Amino acid sequence: MTRIGKAIRVVREARNQRLGEVAEKAGVSVPFLSLVEKGEREPSLDVMVRLSVALKLPVDVLLLLTQSGKTTLKSSDRKTLVIIKAIEAVDAAERRLRSKLDLME
């Protein structure tokens, strides 16, 4: 799963929004959004802007999350930085949980 797909899913679920609801608001199909969340498709810049509006999320959060690994892009917007850190924390927790569950099998 890509960072952007993970971010979209995390924010959507945190806001208790259904996949269809976000897809409709962003003007994309449910299958397409599902593929984006799974990291199997990359949204265009236009679609990222529409998704950020549908998710009530600053677009720079999604833009910064499209950068792989360490990035030189920075934001002076505190809200953006807090959201990114929260998404990264959820991602890390999910990876740890999956690892522990894999060990139990």
Protein backbone atom coordinates (compact mmCIF):
# COMPACT_ATOMS: atom_id res chain seq x y z
CA MET A 1 0.00 0.00 0.00
CA THR A 2 1.36 3.41 -0.87
CA ARG A 3 1.64 6.14 1.67
CA ILE A 4 -1.05 8.14 -0.11
CA GLY A 5 -3.41 5.16 -0.24
CA LYS A 6 -2.78 4.48 3.43
CA ALA A 7 -3.39 8.15 4.28
CA ILE A 8 -6.66 8.24 2.39
CA ARG A 9 -7.88 5.07 4.10
CA VAL A 10 -6.78 6.19 7.58
CA VAL A 11 -8.41 9.61 7.27
CA ARG A 12 -11.57 8.18 5.69
CA GLU A 13 -11.97 5.61 8.46
CA ALA A 14 -11.14 8.14 11.19
CA ARG A 15 -13.93 10.34 9.86
CA ASN A 16 -16.28 7.32 9.64
CA GLN A 17 -16.79 7.92 5.93
CA ARG A 18 -17.74 5.08 3.62
CA LEU A 19 -15.66 4.39 0.53
CA GLY A 20 -18.67 5.18 -1.67
CA GLU A 21 -19.31 8.47 0.10
CA VAL A 22 -15.75 9.72 -0.46
CA ALA A 23 -15.70 8.42 -4.04
CA GLU A 24 -18.93 10.23 -4.84
CA LYS A 25 -17.78 13.51 -3.28
CA ALA A 26 -14.47 13.29 -5.17
CA GLY A 27 -16.11 12.33 -8.45
CA VAL A 28 -14.30 8.99 -8.81
CA SER A 29 -15.57 5.43 -8.92
CA VAL A 30 -15.62 3.21 -5.84
CA PRO A 31 -13.40 0.59 -7.54
CA PHE A 32 -10.85 3.25 -8.44
CA LEU A 33 -10.73 4.63 -4.90
CA SER A 34 -10.43 1.12 -3.52
CA LEU A 35 -7.43 0.50 -5.80
CA VAL A 36 -5.86 3.79 -4.69
CA GLU A 37 -6.27 2.82 -1.03
CA LYS A 38 -4.66 -0.57 -1.76
CA GLY A 39 -1.75 1.12 -3.54
CA GLU A 40 -2.60 -0.44 -6.89
CA ARG A 41 -3.40 2.88 -8.58
CA GLU A 42 -1.92 6.35 -8.24
CA PRO A 43 -4.32 9.31 -8.34
CA SER A 44 -3.59 12.30 -10.55
CA LEU A 45 -2.97 15.69 -8.96
CA ASP A 46 -6.53 16.72 -9.87
CA VAL A 47 -7.95 13.62 -8.18
CA MET A 48 -5.78 14.19 -5.09
CA VAL A 49 -7.19 17.70 -4.78
CA ARG A 50 -10.75 16.39 -5.09
CA LEU A 51 -10.03 13.62 -2.56
CA SER A 52 -8.59 16.11 -0.09
CA VAL A 53 -11.78 18.19 -0.37
CA ALA A 54 -13.95 15.07 0.08
CA LEU A 55 -11.91 14.09 3.14
CA LYS A 56 -11.80 17.65 4.52
CA LEU A 57 -8.02 17.32 4.56
CA PRO A 58 -5.42 19.93 3.56
CA VAL A 59 -4.20 18.99 0.08
CA ASP A 60 -0.59 19.49 1.13
CA VAL A 61 -0.93 16.47 3.44
CA LEU A 62 -1.60 14.23 0.45
CA LEU A 63 1.08 15.95 -1.61
CA LEU A 64 3.72 15.52 1.08
CA LEU A 65 2.75 11.88 1.52
CA THR A 66 3.34 11.17 -2.17
CA GLN A 67 7.05 11.72 -1.60
CA SER A 68 8.89 8.47 -1.04
CA GLY A 69 11.12 8.06 1.99
CA LYS A 70 12.82 11.09 3.40
CA THR A 71 11.76 14.21 1.60
CA THR A 72 13.08 17.72 1.50
CA LEU A 73 9.55 19.07 1.26
CA LYS A 74 8.43 20.72 4.43
CA SER A 75 5.34 22.46 5.62
CA SER A 76 5.11 25.34 8.04
CA ASP A 77 1.46 24.52 8.65
CA ARG A 78 1.30 22.90 12.08
CA LYS A 79 -2.03 21.19 11.34
CA THR A 80 -0.52 19.50 8.28
CA LEU A 81 2.48 18.28 10.24
CA VAL A 82 0.29 16.90 13.03
CA ILE A 83 -1.90 15.02 10.54
CA ILE A 84 1.13 13.54 8.76
CA LYS A 85 2.68 12.40 12.04
CA ALA A 86 -0.62 10.81 13.10
CA ILE A 87 -0.95 8.95 9.79
CA GLU A 88 2.64 7.74 10.05
CA ALA A 89 1.98 6.55 13.63
CA VAL A 90 -1.10 4.59 12.53
CA ASP A 91 0.89 3.07 9.67
CA ALA A 92 3.69 1.99 12.01
CA ALA A 93 1.22 0.52 14.52
CA GLU A 94 -0.54 -1.42 11.77
CA ARG A 95 2.78 -2.84 10.52
CA ARG A 96 3.73 -3.92 14.06
CA LEU A 97 0.35 -5.56 14.57
CA ARG A 98 0.54 -7.41 11.24
CA SER A 99 4.04 -8.61 12.13
CA LYS A 100 2.88 -9.94 15.51
CA LEU A 101 -0.14 -11.63 13.95
CA ASP A 102 2.10 -13.25 11.34
CA LEU A 103 4.28 -14.66 14.13
CA MET A 104 1.22 -16.23 15.75
CA GLU A 105 0.34 -18.23 12.63
